[in-house]
C-alpha atoms as a PDB file:
ATOM      1  CA  MET A   1     237.753 -67.233  29.331  1.00  0.00           C
ATOM      2  CA  ASN A   2     239.318 -65.291  26.499  1.00  0.00           C
ATOM      3  CA  ASP A   3     236.635 -63.349  24.635  1.00  0.00           C
ATOM      4  CA  ASP A   4     238.083 -64.645  21.344  1.00  0.00           C
ATOM      5  CA  ALA A   5     237.925 -68.309  22.410  1.00  0.00           C
ATOM      6  CA  GLY A   6     235.744 -70.299  20.055  1.00  0.00           C
ATOM      7  CA  LYS A   7     236.133 -67.725  17.288  1.00  0.00           C
ATOM      8  CA  PRO A   8     238.674 -68.827  14.682  1.00  0.00           C
ATOM      9  CA  ALA A   9     238.953 -67.070  11.352  1.00  0.00           C
ATOM     10  CA  GLY A  10     235.408 -66.700  10.017  1.00  0.00           C
ATOM     11  CA  LEU A  11     233.971 -69.281   7.656  1.00  0.00           C
ATOM     12  CA  ARG A  12     231.594 -68.495   4.835  1.00  0.00           C
ATOM     13  CA  GLN A  13     228.875 -70.956   5.762  1.00  0.00           C
ATOM     14  CA  SER A  14     227.267 -70.966   2.317  1.00  0.00           C
ATOM     15  CA  ASP A  15     230.629 -72.147   0.940  1.00  0.00           C
ATOM     16  CA  VAL A  16     230.882 -74.836   3.623  1.00  0.00           C
ATOM     17  CA  GLN A  17     227.495 -76.208   2.598  1.00  0.00           C
ATOM     18  CA  ARG A  18     228.274 -75.987  -1.108  1.00  0.00           C
ATOM     19  CA  ARG A  19     231.609 -77.807  -0.764  1.00  0.00           C
ATOM     20  CA  PHE A  20     230.133 -80.640   1.294  1.00  0.00           C
ATOM     21  CA  ASP A  21     227.191 -80.971  -1.093  1.00  0.00           C
ATOM     22  CA  ARG A  22     229.712 -81.414  -3.909  1.00  0.00           C
ATOM     23  CA  ALA A  23     231.861 -83.824  -1.891  1.00  0.00           C
ATOM     24  CA  ALA A  24     228.994 -86.126  -0.852  1.00  0.00           C
ATOM     25  CA  ALA A  25     229.371 -88.550  -3.771  1.00  0.00           C
ATOM     26  CA  GLN A  26     233.075 -89.211  -3.036  1.00  0.00           C
ATOM     27  CA  PHE A  27     233.179 -88.549   0.690  1.00  0.00           C
ATOM     28  CA  ASP A  28     233.276 -92.213   1.724  1.00  0.00           C
ATOM     29  CA  GLU A  29     236.368 -92.762  -0.427  1.00  0.00           C
ATOM     30  CA  ALA A  30     238.280 -89.811   1.044  1.00  0.00           C
ATOM     31  CA  ASP A  31     237.166 -89.647   4.668  1.00  0.00           C
ATOM     32  CA  PHE A  32     240.099 -91.505   6.235  1.00  0.00           C
ATOM     33  CA  VAL A  33     240.599 -88.808   8.889  1.00  0.00           C
ATOM     34  CA  HIS A  34     236.871 -88.753   9.637  1.00  0.00           C
ATOM     35  CA  ARG A  35     236.831 -92.544  10.113  1.00  0.00           C
ATOM     36  CA  HIS A  36     240.034 -92.537  12.168  1.00  0.00           C
ATOM     37  CA  ALA A  37     238.652 -89.885  14.520  1.00  0.00           C
ATOM     38  CA  ALA A  38     235.348 -91.754  14.851  1.00  0.00           C
ATOM     39  CA  LYS A  39     237.192 -94.895  15.930  1.00  0.00           C
ATOM     40  CA  GLY A  40     239.014 -92.819  18.545  1.00  0.00           C
ATOM     41  CA  LEU A  41     235.646 -91.702  19.886  1.00  0.00           C
ATOM     42  CA  TYR A  42     234.225 -95.234  20.004  1.00  0.00           C
ATOM     43  CA  ASP A  43     237.273 -96.420  21.959  1.00  0.00           C
ATOM     44  CA  ARG A  44     236.894 -93.587  24.459  1.00  0.00           C
ATOM     45  CA  MET A  45     233.152 -94.164  24.830  1.00  0.00           C
ATOM     46  CA  SER A  46     233.406 -97.883  25.565  1.00  0.00           C
ATOM     47  CA  PRO A  47     233.989 -97.609  29.357  1.00  0.00           C
ATOM     48  CA  MET A  48     231.326 -94.913  29.867  1.00  0.00           C
ATOM     49  CA  LEU A  49     228.047 -95.956  31.441  1.00  0.00           C
ATOM     50  CA  VAL A  50     225.068 -94.024  30.130  1.00  0.00           C
ATOM     51  CA  ASP A  51     221.452 -94.971  29.425  1.00  0.00           C
ATOM     52  CA  VAL A  52     221.083 -94.158  25.725  1.00  0.00           C
ATOM     53  CA  ARG A  53     217.691 -94.140  24.050  1.00  0.00           C
ATOM     54  CA  THR A  54     217.889 -91.095  21.782  1.00  0.00           C
ATOM     55  CA  ILE A  55     221.069 -90.067  19.927  1.00  0.00           C
ATOM     56  CA  LEU A  56     221.967 -86.945  17.981  1.00  0.00           C
ATOM     57  CA  ASP A  57     224.609 -87.660  15.327  1.00  0.00           C
ATOM     58  CA  ALA A  58     225.572 -84.031  14.686  1.00  0.00           C
ATOM     59  CA  GLY A  59     227.453 -83.398  11.452  1.00  0.00           C
ATOM     60  CA  THR A  60     226.575 -86.919  10.381  1.00  0.00           C
ATOM     61  CA  ALA A  61     227.891 -86.601   6.772  1.00  0.00           C
ATOM     62  CA  THR A  62     227.027 -89.878   4.988  1.00  0.00           C
ATOM     63  CA  GLY A  63     226.059 -91.634   8.215  1.00  0.00           C
ATOM     64  CA  ALA A  64     228.958 -93.978   8.944  1.00  0.00           C
ATOM     65  CA  ALA A  65     228.733 -93.094  12.645  1.00  0.00           C
ATOM     66  CA  THR A  66     224.961 -93.650  12.620  1.00  0.00           C
ATOM     67  CA  ARG A  67     225.497 -97.227  11.539  1.00  0.00           C
ATOM     68  CA  GLU A  68     228.081 -97.799  14.270  1.00  0.00           C
ATOM     69  CA  LEU A  69     225.990 -96.115  16.969  1.00  0.00           C
ATOM     70  CA  ALA A  70     222.960 -98.173  15.988  1.00  0.00           C
ATOM     71  CA  GLY A  71     224.993-101.302  16.670  1.00  0.00           C
ATOM     72  CA  LEU A  72     226.367-100.009  19.968  1.00  0.00           C
ATOM     73  CA  TYR A  73     222.976 -98.835  21.290  1.00  0.00           C
ATOM     74  CA  ARG A  74     220.382-101.260  20.005  1.00  0.00           C
ATOM     75  CA  GLY A  75     216.822-100.010  20.001  1.00  0.00           C
ATOM     76  CA  SER A  76     217.922 -96.402  20.085  1.00  0.00           C
ATOM     77  CA  ARG A  77     216.324 -93.553  18.183  1.00  0.00           C
ATOM     78  CA  ILE A  78     218.882 -91.670  16.108  1.00  0.00           C
ATOM     79  CA  VAL A  79     218.697 -88.170  14.655  1.00  0.00           C
ATOM     80  CA  ARG A  80     221.111 -87.685  11.747  1.00  0.00           C
ATOM     81  CA  LEU A  81     221.728 -83.962  11.448  1.00  0.00           C
ATOM     82  CA  ASP A  82     223.767 -82.139   8.816  1.00  0.00           C
ATOM     83  CA  ARG A  83     223.596 -78.852   6.926  1.00  0.00           C
ATOM     84  CA  SER A  84     224.319 -80.677   3.640  1.00  0.00           C
ATOM     85  CA  LEU A  85     221.217 -82.237   2.097  1.00  0.00           C
ATOM     86  CA  ASN A  86     223.355 -84.250  -0.331  1.00  0.00           C
ATOM     87  CA  MET A  87     225.245 -85.828   2.573  1.00  0.00           C
ATOM     88  CA  LEU A  88     221.974 -86.752   4.283  1.00  0.00           C
ATOM     89  CA  GLU A  89     220.513 -88.233   1.098  1.00  0.00           C
ATOM     90  CA  ARG A  90     223.724 -90.147   0.380  1.00  0.00           C
ATOM     91  CA  GLY A  91     223.581 -91.924   3.716  1.00  0.00           C
ATOM     92  CA  LYS A  92     219.821 -92.239   4.094  1.00  0.00           C
ATOM     93  CA  LYS A  93     219.224 -95.635   2.479  1.00  0.00           C
ATOM     94  CA  ARG A  94     222.327 -97.313   3.848  1.00  0.00           C
ATOM     95  CA  GLY A  95     221.913 -95.785   7.300  1.00  0.00           C
ATOM     96  CA  SER A  96     218.262 -96.702   7.625  1.00  0.00           C
ATOM     97  CA  ARG A  97     218.828-100.245   6.359  1.00  0.00           C
ATOM     98  CA  PHE A  98     221.729-100.814   8.742  1.00  0.00           C
ATOM     99  CA  ALA A  99     219.773 -99.350  11.642  1.00  0.00           C
ATOM    100  CA  ARG A 100     216.872-101.748  11.034  1.00  0.00           C
ATOM    101  CA  LEU A 101     219.193-104.729  10.843  1.00  0.00           C
ATOM    102  CA  SER A 102     220.993-103.730  14.038  1.00  0.00           C
ATOM    103  CA  GLY A 103     217.818-103.130  16.017  1.00  0.00           C
ATOM    104  CA  ALA A 104     217.561 -99.332  16.055  1.00  0.00           C
ATOM    105  CA  SER A 105     213.865 -98.476  15.997  1.00  0.00           C
ATOM    106  CA  THR A 106     213.940 -95.146  14.164  1.00  0.00           C
ATOM    107  CA  VAL A 107     216.353 -92.961  12.206  1.00  0.00           C
ATOM    108  CA  TRP A 108     215.466 -89.378  11.290  1.00  0.00           C
ATOM    109  CA  GLU A 109     217.322 -87.176   8.809  1.00  0.00           C
ATOM    110  CA  VAL A 110     217.302 -83.477   9.677  1.00  0.00           C
ATOM    111  CA  GLN A 111     218.896 -80.698   7.619  1.00  0.00           C
ATOM    112  CA  ALA A 112     219.756 -77.920  10.057  1.00  0.00           C
ATOM    113  CA  GLU A 113     222.485 -75.741  11.536  1.00  0.00           C
ATOM    114  CA  ALA A 114     224.299 -77.194  14.529  1.00  0.00           C
ATOM    115  CA  THR A 115     224.110 -73.775  16.207  1.00  0.00           C
ATOM    116  CA  ALA A 116     220.277 -73.817  16.046  1.00  0.00           C
ATOM    117  CA  LEU A 117     219.177 -77.383  16.780  1.00  0.00           C
ATOM    118  CA  PRO A 118     215.459 -77.999  16.065  1.00  0.00           C
ATOM    119  CA  LEU A 119     215.132 -80.284  19.101  1.00  0.00           C
ATOM    120  CA  ARG A 120     213.349 -80.033  22.448  1.00  0.00           C
ATOM    121  CA  PRO A 121     215.325 -79.201  25.607  1.00  0.00           C
ATOM    122  CA  GLY A 122     216.566 -82.286  27.426  1.00  0.00           C
ATOM    123  CA  SER A 123     215.419 -84.652  24.651  1.00  0.00           C
ATOM    124  CA  ILE A 124     218.796 -86.249  23.794  1.00  0.00           C
ATOM    125  CA  ASP A 125     220.775 -88.838  25.776  1.00  0.00           C
ATOM    126  CA  LEU A 126     223.922 -88.837  23.619  1.00  0.00           C
ATOM    127  CA  VAL A 127     225.275 -86.098  21.345  1.00  0.00           C
ATOM    128  CA  PHE A 128     227.952 -87.448  18.999  1.00  0.00           C
ATOM    129  CA  ALA A 129     229.896 -84.843  16.998  1.00  0.00           C
ATOM    130  CA  ASN A 130     232.753 -86.272  14.959  1.00  0.00           C
ATOM    131  CA  MET A 131     234.868 -83.624  13.197  1.00  0.00           C
ATOM    132  CA  LEU A 132     231.997 -81.128  13.190  1.00  0.00           C
ATOM    133  CA  MET A 133     233.543 -78.386  15.323  1.00  0.00           C
ATOM    134  CA  PRO A 134     236.231 -77.319  12.793  1.00  0.00           C
ATOM    135  CA  TRP A 135     233.356 -76.141  10.569  1.00  0.00           C
ATOM    136  CA  ILE A 136     231.558 -74.096  13.232  1.00  0.00           C
ATOM    137  CA  ASP A 137     232.258 -70.379  13.586  1.00  0.00           C
ATOM    138  CA  ASP A 138     230.461 -69.800  16.860  1.00  0.00           C
ATOM    139  CA  LEU A 139     231.617 -72.526  19.248  1.00  0.00           C
ATOM    140  CA  PRO A 140     229.851 -71.060  22.324  1.00  0.00           C
ATOM    141  CA  ALA A 141     226.526 -71.034  20.431  1.00  0.00           C
ATOM    142  CA  PHE A 142     226.976 -74.670  19.392  1.00  0.00           C
ATOM    143  CA  LEU A 143     227.903 -75.814  22.899  1.00  0.00           C
ATOM    144  CA  ALA A 144     224.966 -73.879  24.353  1.00  0.00           C
ATOM    145  CA  GLU A 145     222.682 -75.795  21.993  1.00  0.00           C
ATOM    146  CA  VAL A 146     224.292 -79.101  22.997  1.00  0.00           C
ATOM    147  CA  GLY A 147     223.751 -78.205  26.654  1.00  0.00           C
ATOM    148  CA  ARG A 148     220.135 -77.284  25.932  1.00  0.00           C
ATOM    149  CA  VAL A 149     219.093 -80.466  24.115  1.00  0.00           C
ATOM    150  CA  LEU A 150     221.172 -82.878  26.231  1.00  0.00           C
ATOM    151  CA  ARG A 151     219.357 -84.297  29.242  1.00  0.00           C
ATOM    152  CA  LYS A 152     220.872 -84.001  32.682  1.00  0.00           C
ATOM    153  CA  ASP A 153     223.692 -86.565  32.949  1.00  0.00           C
ATOM    154  CA  GLY A 154     223.496 -87.258  29.218  1.00  0.00           C
ATOM    155  CA  LEU A 155     226.784 -87.593  27.332  1.00  0.00           C
ATOM    156  CA  PHE A 156     228.388 -85.293  24.767  1.00  0.00           C
ATOM    157  CA  VAL A 157     231.360 -86.754  22.854  1.00  0.00           C
ATOM    158  CA  PHE A 158     233.279 -84.987  20.124  1.00  0.00           C
ATOM    159  CA  SER A 159     236.431 -84.880  18.036  1.00  0.00           C
ATOM    160  CA  SER A 160     237.999 -81.819  16.461  1.00  0.00           C
ATOM    161  CA  LEU A 161     241.280 -80.452  15.120  1.00  0.00           C
ATOM    162  CA  GLY A 162     243.837 -78.622  17.237  1.00  0.00           C
ATOM    163  CA  PRO A 163     246.034 -75.649  16.235  1.00  0.00           C
ATOM    164  CA  ASP A 164     248.962 -77.894  15.201  1.00  0.00           C
ATOM    165  CA  SER A 165     246.899 -79.226  12.278  1.00  0.00           C
ATOM    166  CA  LEU A 166     247.690 -78.353   8.641  1.00  0.00           C
ATOM    167  CA  LEU A 167     250.893 -76.509   9.571  1.00  0.00           C
ATOM    168  CA  GLU A 168     252.656 -77.792   6.444  1.00  0.00           C
ATOM    169  CA  LEU A 169     249.925 -76.371   4.232  1.00  0.00           C
ATOM    170  CA  ARG A 170     249.837 -73.099   6.163  1.00  0.00           C
ATOM    171  CA  ARG A 171     253.618 -72.643   5.857  1.00  0.00           C
ATOM    172  CA  ALA A 172     253.597 -73.483   2.160  1.00  0.00           C
ATOM    173  CA  TRP A 173     250.943 -70.857   1.431  1.00  0.00           C
ATOM    174  CA  GLY A 174     252.758 -68.395   3.702  1.00  0.00           C
ATOM    175  CA  SER A 175     255.780 -68.604   1.423  1.00  0.00           C
ATOM    176  CA  VAL A 176     253.589 -67.595  -1.544  1.00  0.00           C
ATOM    177  CA  ASP A 177     251.415 -64.723  -0.297  1.00  0.00           C
ATOM    178  CA  ASP A 178     249.763 -63.266   2.799  1.00  0.00           C
ATOM    179  CA  GLY A 179     246.227 -64.366   1.889  1.00  0.00           C
ATOM    180  CA  GLU A 180     243.907 -66.516   4.012  1.00  0.00           C
ATOM    181  CA  HIS A 181     244.108 -70.082   2.738  1.00  0.00           C
ATOM    182  CA  VAL A 182     243.988 -72.387   5.798  1.00  0.00           C
ATOM    183  CA  ASN A 183     241.557 -72.374   8.699  1.00  0.00           C
ATOM    184  CA  THR A 184     242.798 -71.898  12.248  1.00  0.00           C
ATOM    185  CA  PHE A 185     241.703 -74.282  14.986  1.00  0.00           C
ATOM    186  CA  ILE A 186     240.891 -73.773  18.646  1.00  0.00           C
ATOM    187  CA  ASP A 187     243.291 -74.776  21.399  1.00  0.00           C
ATOM    188  CA  MET A 188     242.149 -77.709  23.531  1.00  0.00           C
ATOM    189  CA  HIS A 189     242.212 -75.624  26.721  1.00  0.00           C
ATOM    190  CA  ASP A 190     239.927 -72.995  25.204  1.00  0.00           C
ATOM    191  CA  VAL A 191     237.512 -75.751  24.178  1.00  0.00           C
ATOM    192  CA  GLY A 192     237.480 -76.979  27.800  1.00  0.00           C
ATOM    193  CA  ASP A 193     236.713 -73.460  29.059  1.00  0.00           C
ATOM    194  CA  ALA A 194     233.901 -73.125  26.502  1.00  0.00           C
ATOM    195  CA  LEU A 195     232.388 -76.443  27.631  1.00  0.00           C
ATOM    196  CA  LEU A 196     232.247 -75.288  31.240  1.00  0.00           C
ATOM    197  CA  HIS A 197     230.883 -71.892  30.256  1.00  0.00           C
ATOM    198  CA  SER A 198     228.034 -73.588  28.359  1.00  0.00           C
ATOM    199  CA  GLY A 199     226.865 -75.449  31.476  1.00  0.00           C
ATOM    200  CA  LEU A 200     228.218 -78.862  30.506  1.00  0.00           C
ATOM    201  CA  ARG A 201     229.891 -80.718  33.383  1.00  0.00           C
ATOM    202  CA  GLU A 202     233.188 -82.484  34.018  1.00  0.00           C
ATOM    203  CA  PRO A 203     234.823 -82.018  30.623  1.00  0.00           C
ATOM    204  CA  VAL A 204     237.707 -84.332  29.780  1.00  0.00           C
ATOM    205  CA  LEU A 205     239.915 -83.669  26.752  1.00  0.00           C
ATOM    206  CA  ASP A 206     242.978 -85.279  25.250  1.00  0.00           C
ATOM    207  CA  CYS A 207     244.800 -85.083  21.959  1.00  0.00           C
ATOM    208  CA  ASP A 208     246.561 -87.422  19.587  1.00  0.00           C
ATOM    209  CA  TYR A 209     248.564 -86.887  16.424  1.00  0.00           C
ATOM    210  CA  LEU A 210     247.953 -88.476  13.064  1.00  0.00           C
ATOM    211  CA  THR A 211     250.401 -88.258  10.168  1.00  0.00           C
ATOM    212  CA  VAL A 212     249.096 -89.063   6.696  1.00  0.00           C
ATOM    213  CA  THR A 213     251.723 -89.464   3.954  1.00  0.00           C
ATOM    214  CA  TYR A 214     250.999 -88.460   0.357  1.00  0.00           C
ATOM    215  CA  ARG A 215     253.012 -89.218  -2.746  1.00  0.00           C
ATOM    216  CA  ASN A 216     252.777 -85.608  -3.944  1.00  0.00           C
ATOM    217  CA  ALA A 217     250.957 -82.309  -3.444  1.00  0.00           C
ATOM    218  CA  ASP A 218     248.294 -83.124  -6.039  1.00  0.00           C
ATOM    219  CA  ALA A 219     247.249 -86.239  -4.109  1.00  0.00           C
ATOM    220  CA  LEU A 220     246.869 -84.163  -0.935  1.00  0.00           C
ATOM    221  CA  ILE A 221     244.800 -81.469  -2.638  1.00  0.00           C
ATOM    222  CA  ASP A 222     242.632 -84.122  -4.307  1.00  0.00           C
ATOM    223  CA  ASP A 223     241.888 -85.726  -0.934  1.00  0.00           C
ATOM    224  CA  LEU A 224     241.010 -82.353   0.597  1.00  0.00           C
ATOM    225  CA  SER A 225     238.656 -81.618  -2.291  1.00  0.00           C
ATOM    226  CA  ARG A 226     236.910 -84.994  -2.214  1.00  0.00           C
ATOM    227  CA  SER A 227     236.325 -84.716   1.546  1.00  0.00           C
ATOM    228  CA  GLY A 228     234.994 -81.155   1.287  1.00  0.00           C
ATOM    229  CA  ALA A 229     237.916 -79.665   3.232  1.00  0.00           C
ATOM    230  CA  ARG A 230     238.772 -76.759   0.928  1.00  0.00           C
ATOM    231  CA  ASN A 231     239.111 -73.066   1.706  1.00  0.00           C
ATOM    232  CA  CYS A 232     235.828 -71.607   2.993  1.00  0.00           C
ATOM    233  CA  LEU A 233     237.292 -68.639   4.874  1.00  0.00           C
ATOM    234  CA  GLU A 234     235.402 -65.361   4.658  1.00  0.00           C
ATOM    235  CA  GLY A 235     238.676 -63.506   4.160  1.00  0.00           C
ATOM    236  CA  ARG A 236     239.835 -65.511   1.187  1.00  0.00           C
ATOM    237  CA  ARG A 237     240.285 -63.786  -2.128  1.00  0.00           C
ATOM    238  CA  ALA A 238     237.153 -63.486  -4.216  1.00  0.00           C
ATOM    239  CA  SER A 239     239.022 -64.413  -7.396  1.00  0.00           C
ATOM    240  CA  LEU A 240     240.325 -67.878  -8.178  1.00  0.00           C
ATOM    241  CA  THR A 241     243.838 -68.710  -7.048  1.00  0.00           C
ATOM    242  CA  GLY A 242     246.208 -68.241  -9.960  1.00  0.00           C
ATOM    243  CA  LYS A 243     247.995 -71.200 -11.502  1.00  0.00           C
ATOM    244  CA  ASN A 244     251.415 -69.727 -10.719  1.00  0.00           C
ATOM    245  CA  SER A 245     250.544 -69.237  -7.045  1.00  0.00           C
ATOM    246  CA  MET A 246     249.183 -72.768  -6.782  1.00  0.00           C
ATOM    247  CA  ASN A 247     252.311 -74.231  -8.393  1.00  0.00           C
ATOM    248  CA  ARG A 248     254.556 -72.244  -6.047  1.00  0.00           C
ATOM    249  CA  MET A 249     252.596 -73.544  -3.072  1.00  0.00           C
ATOM    250  CA  LYS A 250     252.943 -77.111  -4.324  1.00  0.00           C
ATOM    251  CA  ARG A 251     256.707 -76.732  -4.746  1.00  0.00           C
ATOM    252  CA  ALA A 252     256.960 -75.356  -1.200  1.00  0.00           C
ATOM    253  CA  LEU A 253     255.004 -78.339   0.096  1.00  0.00           C
ATOM    254  CA  CYS A 254     257.168 -80.837  -1.739  1.00  0.00           C
ATOM    255  CA  SER A 255     260.380 -79.179  -0.551  1.00  0.00           C
ATOM    256  CA  ALA A 256     259.297 -79.873   3.025  1.00  0.00           C
ATOM    257  CA  GLY A 257     258.890 -83.597   2.315  1.00  0.00           C
ATOM    258  CA  LYS A 258     261.497 -86.328   2.367  1.00  0.00           C
ATOM    259  CA  ASP A 259     262.339 -89.103  -0.081  1.00  0.00           C
ATOM    260  CA  GLY A 260     259.621 -88.020  -2.481  1.00  0.00           C
ATOM    261  CA  GLU A 261     256.875 -88.306   0.130  1.00  0.00           C
ATOM    262  CA  LEU A 262     254.780 -85.565   1.697  1.00  0.00           C
ATOM    263  CA  PRO A 263     253.851 -86.052   5.385  1.00  0.00           C
ATOM    264  CA  PHE A 264     250.738 -84.257   6.562  1.00  0.00           C
ATOM    265  CA  ARG A 265     250.277 -83.927  10.349  1.00  0.00           C
ATOM    266  CA  LEU A 266     246.986 -83.456  12.176  1.00  0.00           C
ATOM    267  CA  GLU A 267     246.371 -82.751  15.855  1.00  0.00           C
ATOM    268  CA  LEU A 268     243.227 -84.668  16.782  1.00  0.00           C
ATOM    269  CA  VAL A 269     241.368 -83.407  19.843  1.00  0.00           C
ATOM    270  CA  TYR A 270     238.946 -85.745  21.627  1.00  0.00           C
ATOM    271  CA  GLY A 271     236.631 -84.810  24.449  1.00  0.00           C
ATOM    272  CA  HIS A 272     233.500 -85.537  26.387  1.00  0.00           C
ATOM    273  CA  ALA A 273     231.301 -83.794  28.931  1.00  0.00           C
ATOM    274  CA  TRP A 274     228.066 -84.496  30.788  1.00  0.00           C
ATOM    275  CA  GLY A 275     224.741 -82.722  30.575  1.00  0.00           C
ATOM    276  CA  GLY A 276     224.086 -80.256  33.370  1.00  0.00           C
ATOM    277  CA  GLY A 277     220.327 -80.055  32.937  1.00  0.00           C
ATOM    278  CA  PRO A 278     218.200 -76.987  32.199  1.00  0.00           C
ATOM    279  CA  ARG A 279     219.857 -73.637  32.838  1.00  0.00           C
ATOM    280  CA  GLN A 280     218.085 -70.792  34.591  1.00  0.00           C
ATOM    281  CA  PRO A 281     217.176 -67.767  32.465  1.00  0.00           C
ATOM    282  CA  PRO A 282     219.281 -64.672  33.247  1.00  0.00           C
ATOM    283  CA  GLY A 283     218.132 -62.970  36.453  1.00  0.00           C
ATOM    284  CA  GLU A 284     216.263 -66.020  37.750  1.00  0.00           C
ATOM    285  CA  PHE A 285     217.257 -68.554  40.396  1.00  0.00           C
ATOM    286  CA  THR A 286     215.736 -71.580  42.097  1.00  0.00           C
ATOM    287  CA  VAL A 287     215.347 -72.085  45.857  1.00  0.00           C
ATOM    288  CA  ASP A 288     214.629 -75.421  47.539  1.00  0.00           C
ATOM    289  CA  ILE A 289     211.497 -74.655  49.587  1.00  0.00           C
ATOM    290  CA  SER A 290     212.394 -77.317  52.153  1.00  0.00           C
ATOM    291  CA  ARG A 291     215.384 -75.200  53.154  1.00  0.00           C
ATOM    292  CA  LEU A 292     213.281 -72.123  53.999  1.00  0.00           C
ATOM    293  CA  ARG A 293     212.608 -71.490  57.678  1.00  0.00           C
ATOM    294  CA  ARG A 294     209.655 -69.685  59.182  1.00  0.00           C
ATOM    295  CA  ARG A 295     210.543 -66.500  60.996  1.00  0.00           C
ATOM    296  CA  SER A 296     209.397 -66.406  64.591  1.00  0.00           C
ATOM    297  CA  GLN A 297     207.446 -63.321  65.663  1.00  0.00           C
END
């Protein structure tokens, strides 16, 4: 696997948390992509047979997926995990109430990093990660954690963004300056390699394209802001973007549209893999004693 796989342009994680904390109050009104991707995951999960008792909803945001998962897997225990406390608090009352009505026995809210899950090895039957991976710098570390907490033959399902996403925005900024304004996303094949490298089994990935049309550049930027999807790159300029630069970027965006509308294309990547069970520490291996033979003298 390429040594750079799983390592897009670095994100300033404190900015990621701050932007999602700010977006929590309006997230449900602007999370169309999040909801669309979640539906794609539910559709792909429907034919899969897995005994689900404990679920990790990783990157839960305001808990829309928790409510759906509680209905799909009645009586399950669900861990809602997010780095944004405001997101967790926003969804806590609604998520818990829905879970009780749908038969889920327990819902926990946990504020933590997805690359350092505070969960026991092999304790999770289903890891659900909808649109979390675009906000993770160290993909191998995250997948290693998924492999650690997922029981053998448990299911990991996820959605993410592919490298064809946000090209219109990237090109518009590229016509203005050479600064870092738009995140880069990992190719689907590199994600598959990273899944195998982490010890997860039988990965299956596919992609779909979603085009969202906006009436103008301001509407697009407003949606990105309300959903928390603004520039969090480590390499971005420390100073605020100037008004002239922003206006030039908006004009470049609008010039790429047609008939007064601005199409915005996203490459949605969907995937799943199965838990491989505990991994041996480096330098150790296991031998089936029944296969050992006594040496004759």
